[in-house]
Amino acid sequence: MEQRTLEFNHQPLTIFLRDEADRSVANEIFKFREYRLAEECIKTATTPIVDVGAHSGLFTLFARSLNPLVPIIAVEPEKNNVTLLKQHLKENNIKNVTVIEAALGGKTGKDRLLVMPDSHNHRLVPPGASKAFTTSETIPVQAYSLAYVLEHFVPTTVSVLKMDIEGGEYEVFKHSTLEELSKIKAIIMEYHTLPGKNYQAIEQKLRENGFGVQTHPSRFDKTMGFLFATNKRI
């Protein structure tokens, strides 16, 4: 494992990189600043930031560097990623972070995670597709709906919801309601274009529920990009 020290927002950070997947995530966050649209919202956040698909915790480090005090909730289902996430928190003396070992999905309950060769591509098995995968390709995980996370882990509004869940965003927003979305001030997410599914459906739902939305295609992959939404009703 490679240990690297970098500086972000005038602060030194120690990060651990297992492979090329980790390097890709680090570059996305710290070099290319793919989440830059949300930086001002993170800096001014006074209620929790929720990092969904937290992976090894690099976005959590990014958010903590921008805002030293706000509570952060990191949601990640895969145990090896969780282990490295906790190592990053300990090594950098990061406080006030709650780690939830679970996936965010459309519904709360037991689910299966499709384990991919690249650690940042793990994803919940899509509904109705479980027979297409063998048990050796998947592992059992706990999944929570957005409603459950907001009810049980966030006592107030969410300042920023970050989401990178490899296509699982469609199930999350399919089952989300105005009541839940009204508790979120800003959303920054990586979207993925899948067969029969396009980010424009998520964009439309957010606009219908009071959000202003910006989208930016990825410079590296035409099937994905970033969506930034701010709640005009809060």
C-alpha atoms as a PDB file:
ATOM      1  CA  MET A   1       0.000   0.000   0.000  1.00  0.00           C
ATOM      2  CA  GLU A   2       1.301   3.436  -0.939  1.00  0.00           C
ATOM      3  CA  GLN A   3       1.271   6.181   1.696  1.00  0.00           C
ATOM      4  CA  ARG A   4       1.090   9.703   0.355  1.00  0.00           C
ATOM      5  CA  THR A   5       0.960  13.146   1.965  1.00  0.00           C
ATOM      6  CA  LEU A   6      -0.890  15.881   0.132  1.00  0.00           C
ATOM      7  CA  GLU A   7      -1.998  19.382   0.997  1.00  0.00           C
ATOM      8  CA  PHE A   8      -5.558  20.536   0.547  1.00  0.00           C
ATOM      9  CA  ASN A   9      -6.998  23.854   1.722  1.00  0.00           C
ATOM     10  CA  HIS A  10      -3.643  24.584   3.401  1.00  0.00           C
ATOM     11  CA  GLN A  11      -3.870  21.396   5.447  1.00  0.00           C
ATOM     12  CA  PRO A  12      -1.679  18.266   5.195  1.00  0.00           C
ATOM     13  CA  LEU A  13      -3.491  14.984   4.676  1.00  0.00           C
ATOM     14  CA  THR A  14      -2.081  11.478   4.843  1.00  0.00           C
ATOM     15  CA  ILE A  15      -3.791   9.087   2.465  1.00  0.00           C
ATOM     16  CA  PHE A  16      -3.279   5.408   1.729  1.00  0.00           C
ATOM     17  CA  LEU A  17      -3.639   4.082  -1.814  1.00  0.00           C
ATOM     18  CA  ARG A  18      -4.112   0.354  -2.370  1.00  0.00           C
ATOM     19  CA  ASP A  19      -4.262   0.354  -6.149  1.00  0.00           C
ATOM     20  CA  GLU A  20      -5.160   2.293  -9.291  1.00  0.00           C
ATOM     21  CA  ALA A  21      -8.805   2.517  -8.230  1.00  0.00           C
ATOM     22  CA  ASP A  22      -7.783   4.424  -5.091  1.00  0.00           C
ATOM     23  CA  ARG A  23      -5.508   6.685  -7.114  1.00  0.00           C
ATOM     24  CA  SER A  24      -8.382   7.438  -9.476  1.00  0.00           C
ATOM     25  CA  VAL A  25     -10.659   8.443  -6.599  1.00  0.00           C
ATOM     26  CA  ALA A  26      -7.930  10.593  -5.026  1.00  0.00           C
ATOM     27  CA  ASN A  27      -7.315  12.390  -8.308  1.00  0.00           C
ATOM     28  CA  GLU A  28     -11.035  12.902  -8.857  1.00  0.00           C
ATOM     29  CA  ILE A  29     -11.430  14.560  -5.469  1.00  0.00           C
ATOM     30  CA  PHE A  30      -8.175  16.410  -4.842  1.00  0.00           C
ATOM     31  CA  LYS A  31      -6.519  16.947  -8.243  1.00  0.00           C
ATOM     32  CA  PHE A  32      -9.428  17.522 -10.614  1.00  0.00           C
ATOM     33  CA  ARG A  33     -11.761  18.892  -7.891  1.00  0.00           C
ATOM     34  CA  GLU A  34     -14.787  17.132  -9.359  1.00  0.00           C
ATOM     35  CA  TYR A  35     -16.833  18.179  -6.307  1.00  0.00           C
ATOM     36  CA  ARG A  36     -15.859  21.837  -6.547  1.00  0.00           C
ATOM     37  CA  LEU A  37     -19.452  22.943  -7.207  1.00  0.00           C
ATOM     38  CA  ALA A  38     -20.323  21.927  -3.652  1.00  0.00           C
ATOM     39  CA  GLU A  39     -17.306  23.480  -1.939  1.00  0.00           C
ATOM     40  CA  GLU A  40     -19.084  26.639  -0.812  1.00  0.00           C
ATOM     41  CA  CYS A  41     -22.012  24.614   0.557  1.00  0.00           C
ATOM     42  CA  ILE A  42     -19.559  22.426   2.454  1.00  0.00           C
ATOM     43  CA  LYS A  43     -17.667  25.414   3.875  1.00  0.00           C
ATOM     44  CA  THR A  44     -20.853  27.046   5.168  1.00  0.00           C
ATOM     45  CA  ALA A  45     -22.557  23.832   6.355  1.00  0.00           C
ATOM     46  CA  THR A  46     -23.924  23.923   9.896  1.00  0.00           C
ATOM     47  CA  THR A  47     -25.917  20.680   9.801  1.00  0.00           C
ATOM     48  CA  PRO A  48     -24.564  17.232   8.844  1.00  0.00           C
ATOM     49  CA  ILE A  49     -22.856  16.355   5.593  1.00  0.00           C
ATOM     50  CA  VAL A  50     -23.782  12.839   4.472  1.00  0.00           C
ATOM     51  CA  ASP A  51     -21.167  11.005   2.390  1.00  0.00           C
ATOM     52  CA  VAL A  52     -22.918   8.099   0.650  1.00  0.00           C
ATOM     53  CA  GLY A  53     -20.675   5.651  -1.136  1.00  0.00           C
ATOM     54  CA  ALA A  54     -17.891   6.880   1.104  1.00  0.00           C
ATOM     55  CA  HIS A  55     -15.407   4.301  -0.255  1.00  0.00           C
ATOM     56  CA  SER A  56     -12.108   4.799   1.637  1.00  0.00           C
ATOM     57  CA  GLY A  57     -13.173   8.139   3.096  1.00  0.00           C
ATOM     58  CA  LEU A  58     -11.380  10.562   0.786  1.00  0.00           C
ATOM     59  CA  PHE A  59     -14.455  12.741   0.246  1.00  0.00           C
ATOM     60  CA  THR A  60     -14.909  12.803   4.022  1.00  0.00           C
ATOM     61  CA  LEU A  61     -11.327  14.098   4.351  1.00  0.00           C
ATOM     62  CA  PHE A  62     -12.073  16.644   1.614  1.00  0.00           C
ATOM     63  CA  ALA A  63     -15.200  17.849   3.425  1.00  0.00           C
ATOM     64  CA  ARG A  64     -13.503  17.985   6.824  1.00  0.00           C
ATOM     65  CA  SER A  65     -10.648  20.062   5.354  1.00  0.00           C
ATOM     66  CA  LEU A  66     -13.209  22.596   4.137  1.00  0.00           C
ATOM     67  CA  ASN A  67     -15.300  22.552   7.310  1.00  0.00           C
ATOM     68  CA  PRO A  68     -13.560  21.600  10.576  1.00  0.00           C
ATOM     69  CA  LEU A  69     -16.660  21.365  12.765  1.00  0.00           C
ATOM     70  CA  VAL A  70     -19.752  20.084  10.987  1.00  0.00           C
ATOM     71  CA  PRO A  71     -20.821  16.478  11.719  1.00  0.00           C
ATOM     72  CA  ILE A  72     -20.167  14.065   8.862  1.00  0.00           C
ATOM     73  CA  ILE A  73     -21.971  10.769   8.310  1.00  0.00           C
ATOM     74  CA  ALA A  74     -20.080   8.338   6.066  1.00  0.00           C
ATOM     75  CA  VAL A  75     -22.117   5.491   4.559  1.00  0.00           C
ATOM     76  CA  GLU A  76     -20.172   2.568   3.033  1.00  0.00           C
ATOM     77  CA  PRO A  77     -21.127  -1.129   2.804  1.00  0.00           C
ATOM     78  CA  GLU A  78     -17.897  -2.917   1.810  1.00  0.00           C
ATOM     79  CA  LYS A  79     -15.743  -4.004   4.772  1.00  0.00           C
ATOM     80  CA  ASN A  80     -12.308  -3.410   3.191  1.00  0.00           C
ATOM     81  CA  ASN A  81     -13.310   0.110   2.205  1.00  0.00           C
ATOM     82  CA  VAL A  82     -14.668   0.695   5.721  1.00  0.00           C
ATOM     83  CA  THR A  83     -11.388  -0.480   7.260  1.00  0.00           C
ATOM     84  CA  LEU A  84      -9.392   1.986   5.164  1.00  0.00           C
ATOM     85  CA  LEU A  85     -11.941   4.741   5.811  1.00  0.00           C
ATOM     86  CA  LYS A  86     -11.438   4.311   9.558  1.00  0.00           C
ATOM     87  CA  GLN A  87      -7.666   4.245   9.077  1.00  0.00           C
ATOM     88  CA  HIS A  88      -7.855   7.577   7.238  1.00  0.00           C
ATOM     89  CA  LEU A  89      -9.904   9.081  10.071  1.00  0.00           C
ATOM     90  CA  LYS A  90      -7.461   7.862  12.710  1.00  0.00           C
ATOM     91  CA  GLU A  91      -4.291   8.837  10.826  1.00  0.00           C
ATOM     92  CA  ASN A  92      -5.565  12.369  10.188  1.00  0.00           C
ATOM     93  CA  ASN A  93      -7.154  12.789  13.624  1.00  0.00           C
ATOM     94  CA  ILE A  94     -10.572  13.422  12.093  1.00  0.00           C
ATOM     95  CA  LYS A  95     -13.319  13.793  14.668  1.00  0.00           C
ATOM     96  CA  ASN A  96     -17.111  13.999  14.635  1.00  0.00           C
ATOM     97  CA  VAL A  97     -17.575  11.427  11.859  1.00  0.00           C
ATOM     98  CA  THR A  98     -20.139   8.645  12.166  1.00  0.00           C
ATOM     99  CA  VAL A  99     -19.438   5.594   9.999  1.00  0.00           C
ATOM    100  CA  ILE A 100     -22.457   3.537   8.925  1.00  0.00           C
ATOM    101  CA  GLU A 101     -21.577   0.145   7.448  1.00  0.00           C
ATOM    102  CA  ALA A 102     -24.435  -0.096   4.989  1.00  0.00           C
ATOM    103  CA  ALA A 103     -25.519   0.737   1.467  1.00  0.00           C
ATOM    104  CA  LEU A 104     -28.058   3.354   0.464  1.00  0.00           C
ATOM    105  CA  GLY A 105     -30.852   1.816  -1.593  1.00  0.00           C
ATOM    106  CA  GLY A 106     -34.469   2.209  -2.472  1.00  0.00           C
ATOM    107  CA  LYS A 107     -35.650   0.212   0.536  1.00  0.00           C
ATOM    108  CA  THR A 108     -34.433  -0.775   3.992  1.00  0.00           C
ATOM    109  CA  GLY A 109     -33.514  -4.427   4.463  1.00  0.00           C
ATOM    110  CA  LYS A 110     -30.966  -7.060   3.642  1.00  0.00           C
ATOM    111  CA  ASP A 111     -29.525  -6.768   0.148  1.00  0.00           C
ATOM    112  CA  ARG A 112     -26.597  -8.025  -1.913  1.00  0.00           C
ATOM    113  CA  LEU A 113     -23.583  -6.033  -3.032  1.00  0.00           C
ATOM    114  CA  LEU A 114     -21.982  -6.870  -6.363  1.00  0.00           C
ATOM    115  CA  VAL A 115     -18.243  -6.887  -5.660  1.00  0.00           C
ATOM    116  CA  MET A 116     -16.265  -5.519  -8.576  1.00  0.00           C
ATOM    117  CA  PRO A 117     -12.510  -5.774  -9.318  1.00  0.00           C
ATOM    118  CA  ASP A 118     -12.186  -2.010  -8.750  1.00  0.00           C
ATOM    119  CA  SER A 119     -13.161  -1.120  -5.185  1.00  0.00           C
ATOM    120  CA  HIS A 120     -14.935   2.085  -6.223  1.00  0.00           C
ATOM    121  CA  ASN A 121     -17.327   0.227  -8.547  1.00  0.00           C
ATOM    122  CA  HIS A 122     -19.100  -1.991  -6.002  1.00  0.00           C
ATOM    123  CA  ARG A 123     -22.867  -1.652  -6.328  1.00  0.00           C
ATOM    124  CA  LEU A 124     -26.109  -3.101  -5.057  1.00  0.00           C
ATOM    125  CA  VAL A 125     -27.526  -5.804  -7.292  1.00  0.00           C
ATOM    126  CA  PRO A 126     -30.356  -4.116  -9.232  1.00  0.00           C
ATOM    127  CA  PRO A 127     -33.893  -5.220  -8.266  1.00  0.00           C
ATOM    128  CA  GLY A 128     -34.951  -8.252 -10.269  1.00  0.00           C
ATOM    129  CA  ALA A 129     -31.423  -9.042 -11.411  1.00  0.00           C
ATOM    130  CA  SER A 130     -30.220 -11.198  -8.508  1.00  0.00           C
ATOM    131  CA  LYS A 131     -30.399 -14.443 -10.514  1.00  0.00           C
ATOM    132  CA  ALA A 132     -27.879 -13.060 -12.989  1.00  0.00           C
ATOM    133  CA  PHE A 133     -25.115 -13.096 -10.382  1.00  0.00           C
ATOM    134  CA  THR A 134     -23.597 -15.935  -8.404  1.00  0.00           C
ATOM    135  CA  THR A 135     -23.073 -15.815  -4.654  1.00  0.00           C
ATOM    136  CA  SER A 136     -19.322 -15.715  -5.284  1.00  0.00           C
ATOM    137  CA  GLU A 137     -19.785 -12.371  -7.037  1.00  0.00           C
ATOM    138  CA  THR A 138     -21.964 -10.843  -4.318  1.00  0.00           C
ATOM    139  CA  ILE A 139     -21.907 -10.377  -0.561  1.00  0.00           C
ATOM    140  CA  PRO A 140     -24.793  -9.749   1.860  1.00  0.00           C
ATOM    141  CA  VAL A 141     -25.082  -6.185   3.142  1.00  0.00           C
ATOM    142  CA  GLN A 142     -27.466  -4.025   5.081  1.00  0.00           C
ATOM    143  CA  ALA A 143     -29.261  -1.454   2.954  1.00  0.00           C
ATOM    144  CA  TYR A 144     -31.074   1.643   4.184  1.00  0.00           C
ATOM    145  CA  SER A 145     -33.491   3.864   2.351  1.00  0.00           C
ATOM    146  CA  LEU A 146     -32.954   7.609   2.285  1.00  0.00           C
ATOM    147  CA  ALA A 147     -35.967   7.958   4.578  1.00  0.00           C
ATOM    148  CA  TYR A 148     -34.377   5.609   7.140  1.00  0.00           C
ATOM    149  CA  VAL A 149     -31.036   7.410   7.105  1.00  0.00           C
ATOM    150  CA  LEU A 150     -32.687  10.785   7.581  1.00  0.00           C
ATOM    151  CA  GLU A 151     -34.929   9.526  10.374  1.00  0.00           C
ATOM    152  CA  HIS A 152     -32.333   7.563  12.344  1.00  0.00           C
ATOM    153  CA  PHE A 153     -29.007   9.297  11.750  1.00  0.00           C
ATOM    154  CA  VAL A 154     -29.706  12.958  10.972  1.00  0.00           C
ATOM    155  CA  PRO A 155     -31.518  14.913  13.714  1.00  0.00           C
ATOM    156  CA  THR A 156     -32.004  17.978  11.538  1.00  0.00           C
ATOM    157  CA  THR A 157     -31.597  18.985   7.911  1.00  0.00           C
ATOM    158  CA  VAL A 158     -28.722  17.776   5.727  1.00  0.00           C
ATOM    159  CA  SER A 159     -26.446  20.548   4.501  1.00  0.00           C
ATOM    160  CA  VAL A 160     -24.886  18.432   1.741  1.00  0.00           C
ATOM    161  CA  LEU A 161     -25.741  14.954   0.513  1.00  0.00           C
ATOM    162  CA  LYS A 162     -22.874  13.494  -1.513  1.00  0.00           C
ATOM    163  CA  MET A 163     -23.691  10.351  -3.449  1.00  0.00           C
ATOM    164  CA  ASP A 164     -21.517   8.024  -5.531  1.00  0.00           C
ATOM    165  CA  ILE A 165     -23.231   4.634  -5.663  1.00  0.00           C
ATOM    166  CA  GLU A 166     -22.592   3.378  -9.192  1.00  0.00           C
ATOM    167  CA  GLY A 167     -26.102   3.545 -10.621  1.00  0.00           C
ATOM    168  CA  GLY A 168     -27.936   2.911  -7.357  1.00  0.00           C
ATOM    169  CA  GLU A 169     -29.013   6.539  -7.396  1.00  0.00           C
ATOM    170  CA  TYR A 170     -32.014   5.650  -9.588  1.00  0.00           C
ATOM    171  CA  GLU A 171     -33.558   3.399  -6.913  1.00  0.00           C
ATOM    172  CA  VAL A 172     -32.840   5.973  -4.198  1.00  0.00           C
ATOM    173  CA  PHE A 173     -34.609   8.798  -6.021  1.00  0.00           C
ATOM    174  CA  LYS A 174     -37.378   6.543  -7.316  1.00  0.00           C
ATOM    175  CA  HIS A 175     -38.442   5.918  -3.719  1.00  0.00           C
ATOM    176  CA  SER A 176     -37.665   9.372  -2.282  1.00  0.00           C
ATOM    177  CA  THR A 177     -40.498  11.728  -1.377  1.00  0.00           C
ATOM    178  CA  LEU A 178     -40.920  15.476  -1.100  1.00  0.00           C
ATOM    179  CA  GLU A 179     -40.834  15.123   2.688  1.00  0.00           C
ATOM    180  CA  GLU A 180     -37.378  13.555   2.526  1.00  0.00           C
ATOM    181  CA  LEU A 181     -35.973  15.818  -0.168  1.00  0.00           C
ATOM    182  CA  SER A 182     -37.202  18.895   1.713  1.00  0.00           C
ATOM    183  CA  LYS A 183     -34.696  18.058   4.471  1.00  0.00           C
ATOM    184  CA  ILE A 184     -31.715  18.299   2.108  1.00  0.00           C
ATOM    185  CA  LYS A 185     -30.165  21.676   1.281  1.00  0.00           C
ATOM    186  CA  ALA A 186     -27.751  20.536  -1.448  1.00  0.00           C
ATOM    187  CA  ILE A 187     -26.899  17.370  -3.370  1.00  0.00           C
ATOM    188  CA  ILE A 188     -23.647  16.618  -5.181  1.00  0.00           C
ATOM    189  CA  MET A 189     -23.613  13.255  -6.912  1.00  0.00           C
ATOM    190  CA  GLU A 190     -21.946  11.215  -9.588  1.00  0.00           C
ATOM    191  CA  TYR A 191     -24.573  10.011 -12.055  1.00  0.00           C
ATOM    192  CA  HIS A 192     -24.327   6.976 -14.308  1.00  0.00           C
ATOM    193  CA  THR A 193     -26.145   6.420 -17.592  1.00  0.00           C
ATOM    194  CA  LEU A 194     -27.477   2.854 -17.671  1.00  0.00           C
ATOM    195  CA  PRO A 195     -29.641   0.936 -20.151  1.00  0.00           C
ATOM    196  CA  GLY A 196     -33.096   2.471 -19.909  1.00  0.00           C
ATOM    197  CA  LYS A 197     -31.990   4.950 -17.233  1.00  0.00           C
ATOM    198  CA  ASN A 198     -30.797   8.505 -17.680  1.00  0.00           C
ATOM    199  CA  TYR A 199     -29.813  11.165 -15.145  1.00  0.00           C
ATOM    200  CA  GLN A 200     -32.441  13.483 -16.649  1.00  0.00           C
ATOM    201  CA  ALA A 201     -35.139  11.571 -14.753  1.00  0.00           C
ATOM    202  CA  ILE A 202     -33.384  12.430 -11.478  1.00  0.00           C
ATOM    203  CA  GLU A 203     -32.879  16.014 -12.624  1.00  0.00           C
ATOM    204  CA  GLN A 204     -36.582  16.342 -13.431  1.00  0.00           C
ATOM    205  CA  LYS A 205     -37.669  14.938 -10.064  1.00  0.00           C
ATOM    206  CA  LEU A 206     -35.362  17.310  -8.205  1.00  0.00           C
ATOM    207  CA  ARG A 207     -36.604  20.315 -10.190  1.00  0.00           C
ATOM    208  CA  GLU A 208     -40.213  19.306  -9.516  1.00  0.00           C
ATOM    209  CA  ASN A 209     -39.389  19.237  -5.803  1.00  0.00           C
ATOM    210  CA  GLY A 210     -37.879  22.706  -5.616  1.00  0.00           C
ATOM    211  CA  PHE A 211     -34.223  22.216  -6.554  1.00  0.00           C
ATOM    212  CA  GLY A 212     -32.100  24.156  -8.972  1.00  0.00           C
ATOM    213  CA  VAL A 213     -29.922  21.681 -10.873  1.00  0.00           C
ATOM    214  CA  GLN A 214     -26.613  21.810 -12.755  1.00  0.00           C
ATOM    215  CA  THR A 215     -25.103  18.850 -14.613  1.00  0.00           C
ATOM    216  CA  HIS A 216     -21.592  18.353 -15.949  1.00  0.00           C
ATOM    217  CA  PRO A 217     -20.563  15.341 -18.043  1.00  0.00           C
ATOM    218  CA  SER A 218     -17.360  13.604 -17.038  1.00  0.00           C
ATOM    219  CA  ARG A 219     -14.252  14.546 -18.993  1.00  0.00           C
ATOM    220  CA  PHE A 220     -13.221  10.882 -18.962  1.00  0.00           C
ATOM    221  CA  ASP A 221     -16.412   8.866 -19.474  1.00  0.00           C
ATOM    222  CA  LYS A 222     -19.459   9.881 -21.508  1.00  0.00           C
ATOM    223  CA  THR A 223     -21.693   7.505 -19.560  1.00  0.00           C
ATOM    224  CA  MET A 224     -21.311   9.436 -16.321  1.00  0.00           C
ATOM    225  CA  GLY A 225     -21.014  12.922 -14.898  1.00  0.00           C
ATOM    226  CA  PHE A 226     -21.808  15.113 -11.908  1.00  0.00           C
ATOM    227  CA  LEU A 227     -25.102  16.622 -10.781  1.00  0.00           C
ATOM    228  CA  PHE A 228     -25.273  19.500  -8.310  1.00  0.00           C
ATOM    229  CA  ALA A 229     -28.634  20.523  -6.897  1.00  0.00           C
ATOM    230  CA  THR A 230     -29.589  23.179  -4.369  1.00  0.00           C
ATOM    231  CA  ASN A 231     -32.920  23.340  -2.585  1.00  0.00           C
ATOM    232  CA  LYS A 232     -34.521  26.699  -3.306  1.00  0.00           C
ATOM    233  CA  ARG A 233     -37.130  26.120  -0.597  1.00  0.00           C
ATOM    234  CA  ILE A 234     -34.650  26.111   2.302  1.00  0.00           C
END
